[in-house]
Protein backbone atom coordinates (compact mmCIF):
# COMPACT_ATOMS: atom_id res chain seq x y z
CA MET A 1 116.40 194.05 165.48
CA GLU A 2 119.73 195.37 166.71
CA LEU A 3 122.26 193.44 168.75
CA GLU A 4 124.84 195.07 170.98
CA THR A 5 128.14 193.83 172.22
CA ARG A 6 130.74 195.53 174.39
CA ARG A 7 132.04 197.66 171.50
CA LEU A 8 129.67 197.03 168.60
CA ILE A 9 126.19 197.42 167.23
CA LEU A 10 124.88 194.84 164.78
CA ARG A 11 122.10 196.59 162.94
CA PRO A 12 120.05 196.06 159.77
CA LEU A 13 121.69 197.21 156.54
CA ARG A 14 120.53 200.59 155.24
CA ASN A 15 120.63 202.09 151.77
CA GLU A 16 123.13 204.62 153.15
CA ASP A 17 125.58 201.78 153.83
CA ALA A 18 126.19 201.20 150.12
CA ARG A 19 129.14 203.58 149.80
CA ALA A 20 131.04 202.18 152.81
CA MET A 21 130.24 198.64 151.70
CA ALA A 22 131.53 199.26 148.17
CA GLN A 23 134.68 200.89 149.49
CA ALA A 24 135.41 198.00 151.88
CA LEU A 25 134.71 195.21 149.39
CA ASN A 26 136.55 196.90 146.54
CA ASN A 27 139.72 195.84 148.32
CA LEU A 28 141.11 192.58 146.95
CA ASN A 29 142.55 191.73 150.38
CA VAL A 30 138.94 191.56 151.64
CA SER A 31 137.02 190.24 148.63
CA ARG A 32 139.53 187.46 147.89
CA ASN A 33 138.41 185.80 151.14
CA LEU A 34 134.76 185.70 150.13
CA ALA A 35 133.18 183.22 147.74
CA ARG A 36 130.34 185.33 146.33
CA VAL A 37 131.88 188.83 146.08
CA LYS A 38 133.36 189.96 142.80
CA PHE A 39 136.34 192.23 142.31
CA PRO A 40 136.27 195.04 141.49
CA TYR A 41 133.21 195.71 143.65
CA THR A 42 131.19 198.82 142.76
CA LEU A 43 128.66 201.09 144.40
CA GLN A 44 126.01 199.52 142.13
CA ASP A 45 126.97 196.05 143.44
CA ALA A 46 126.52 197.24 147.02
CA GLU A 47 123.19 198.90 146.24
CA ALA A 48 121.96 195.72 144.52
CA PHE A 49 122.99 193.56 147.49
CA ILE A 50 121.26 195.87 149.98
CA ALA A 51 118.07 195.83 147.91
CA MET A 52 118.29 192.03 147.47
CA GLN A 53 118.79 191.25 151.16
CA PHE A 54 115.24 192.46 151.86
CA ALA A 55 114.03 189.55 149.69
CA PHE A 56 115.99 186.91 151.66
CA ASP A 57 114.07 184.27 153.54
CA GLN A 58 112.49 185.84 156.65
CA ARG A 59 114.55 183.60 158.94
CA SER A 60 117.80 184.93 157.44
CA VAL A 61 119.56 187.65 159.40
CA VAL A 62 121.99 190.06 157.72
CA ARG A 63 123.55 192.71 159.96
CA ALA A 64 125.90 195.62 159.43
CA ILE A 65 128.67 195.86 161.99
CA ALA A 66 129.39 199.32 163.41
CA PHE A 67 131.17 200.66 166.45
CA LYS A 68 128.86 201.95 169.19
CA CYS A 69 130.74 205.25 169.02
CA ALA A 70 129.99 205.52 165.26
CA PRO A 71 126.77 203.55 164.69
CA GLU A 72 126.16 204.96 161.20
CA GLU A 73 129.53 203.81 159.82
CA LEU A 74 129.48 200.25 158.48
CA ILE A 75 132.78 198.42 159.09
CA GLY A 76 131.63 194.94 158.07
CA MET A 77 128.81 192.47 157.94
CA VAL A 78 127.79 189.27 159.66
CA SER A 79 124.91 187.01 158.64
CA TYR A 80 123.19 183.71 158.62
CA GLU A 81 121.16 183.02 155.53
CA GLN A 82 118.67 180.22 154.97
CA THR A 83 119.29 178.34 151.74
CA GLN A 84 116.63 176.85 149.51
CA GLU A 85 117.48 173.49 151.08
CA GLY A 86 116.60 174.89 154.53
CA LYS A 87 120.19 175.00 155.81
CA PHE A 88 121.63 178.09 157.49
CA VAL A 89 124.95 179.43 156.19
CA PHE A 90 126.96 181.72 158.50
CA GLY A 91 129.27 184.31 156.98
CA TYR A 92 131.06 187.58 157.62
CA TRP A 93 133.56 190.15 156.39
CA LEU A 94 135.33 193.14 157.90
CA ARG A 95 137.11 196.22 156.52
CA GLU A 96 140.83 195.58 156.33
CA CYS A 97 141.64 198.51 158.66
CA CYS A 98 139.70 196.71 161.41
CA TRP A 99 141.45 193.34 161.14
CA HIS A 100 143.38 192.06 164.17
CA MET A 101 141.17 193.94 166.65
CA ARG A 102 139.03 190.88 167.55
CA ILE A 103 136.00 192.75 166.23
CA MET A 104 134.83 189.82 164.12
CA SER A 105 135.08 187.38 167.02
CA GLU A 106 132.86 189.74 169.04
CA ALA A 107 130.32 190.30 166.25
CA ALA A 108 130.20 186.67 165.14
CA SER A 109 129.72 185.43 168.69
CA ALA A 110 126.75 187.74 169.15
CA LEU A 111 125.06 186.57 165.96
CA VAL A 112 125.69 182.87 166.63
CA HIS A 113 124.13 183.40 170.07
CA HIS A 114 121.13 185.06 168.43
CA ALA A 115 120.77 182.27 165.85
CA PHE A 116 120.61 179.54 168.48
CA ALA A 117 118.99 181.35 171.42
CA GLU A 118 116.39 183.42 169.58
CA GLY A 119 116.44 182.56 165.86
CA GLY A 120 115.29 178.95 166.16
CA VAL A 121 118.25 177.73 164.12
CA GLU A 122 119.25 174.09 164.71
CA ALA A 123 122.61 174.17 162.93
CA LEU A 124 124.91 176.62 161.15
CA GLU A 125 127.28 175.82 158.32
CA SER A 126 130.24 177.97 157.31
CA ALA A 127 133.40 177.87 155.24
CA TYR A 128 136.72 179.62 154.79
CA HIS A 129 139.38 179.56 152.12
CA ALA A 130 142.33 177.42 153.24
CA ASP A 131 144.72 180.35 152.71
CA ASN A 132 142.75 182.46 155.23
CA PRO A 133 143.56 180.74 158.53
CA ASN A 134 142.42 183.72 160.62
CA SER A 135 138.86 183.09 159.52
CA GLY A 136 139.22 179.44 160.50
CA ARG A 137 140.42 180.45 163.96
CA ILE A 138 137.37 182.69 164.45
CA LEU A 139 135.01 179.87 163.50
CA ARG A 140 136.75 177.29 165.69
CA ARG A 141 136.65 179.71 168.69
CA LEU A 142 132.90 179.89 168.13
CA GLY A 143 132.74 176.10 168.34
CA PHE A 144 132.48 175.24 164.65
CA ILE A 145 134.00 171.90 163.72
CA GLU A 146 135.61 171.23 160.36
CA THR A 147 133.69 168.61 158.43
CA HIS A 148 135.62 168.37 155.16
CA SER A 149 137.53 170.28 152.52
CA GLU A 150 136.54 170.87 148.92
CA MET A 151 137.33 173.09 145.97
CA ASN A 152 135.00 176.08 145.52
CA PHE A 153 134.91 178.93 143.05
CA CYS A 154 135.95 182.35 144.36
CA LEU A 155 134.41 185.12 142.28
CA ALA A 156 136.96 187.80 143.22
CA ARG A 157 139.91 185.56 142.29
CA ASN A 158 138.07 184.09 139.30
CA LYS A 159 139.32 180.62 140.14
CA THR A 160 138.64 177.54 142.24
CA VAL A 161 140.33 177.52 145.65
CA PRO A 162 140.67 174.98 148.49
CA THR A 163 137.93 175.59 151.05
CA MET A 164 137.35 174.21 154.52
CA LYS A 165 133.71 173.46 155.45
CA LEU A 166 132.52 173.63 159.05
CA SER A 167 129.34 173.19 161.06
CA LEU A 168 127.99 173.96 164.50
CA ALA A 169 124.85 172.33 165.95
CA ARG A 170 122.70 174.11 168.52
CA GLU A 171 123.11 171.31 171.09
CA ASP A 172 126.92 171.51 170.80
CA TRP A 173 126.77 175.30 171.17
CA GLN A 174 124.52 174.94 174.24
CA SER A 175 126.97 172.47 175.81
CA GLN A 176 129.83 174.88 175.21
CA GLN A 177 127.88 177.71 176.81
CA LYS A 178 127.20 175.60 179.91
CA SER A 179 130.86 174.56 180.25
CA ARG A 180 132.02 178.18 179.88
CA ALA A 181 129.59 179.29 182.57
CA ALA A 182 130.75 176.59 184.99
């Protein structure tokens, strides 16, 4: 399944994405904002993640982000993954050279729409490190509501950092969609 937005294609990850993924995530400015990505990040790490994502729960959706004009070139990822507890966790990252272009808002909005309109998801959970307010703004624009803060381990930083937790229920998202259409 591919999703299209005005500028982007959200497509399944491919083995050929490993090099671009490793290059993007081997940037501490990117990986420091992610909980489960180590630094340095190698080609082998990217290859292992791509292989592993095929074993994710079938309701999980992991998509490479690419520009329509360069659909083979991965510039980031957006996903919702089902946990063992049955919850869905929403996450994303973007190459640093693409920050401040509203690309992630566009990609994230498309995948949230898919999760609720077609994926049968009832609620999404997400999080961001407190020192990454841009990620918090993206999530709040999507309708996520902060539920609490806690300390979580960041692999790239090798330390525990303050983290904001958020959630978005399908019924709240639907209400927002109706009010935007009105």
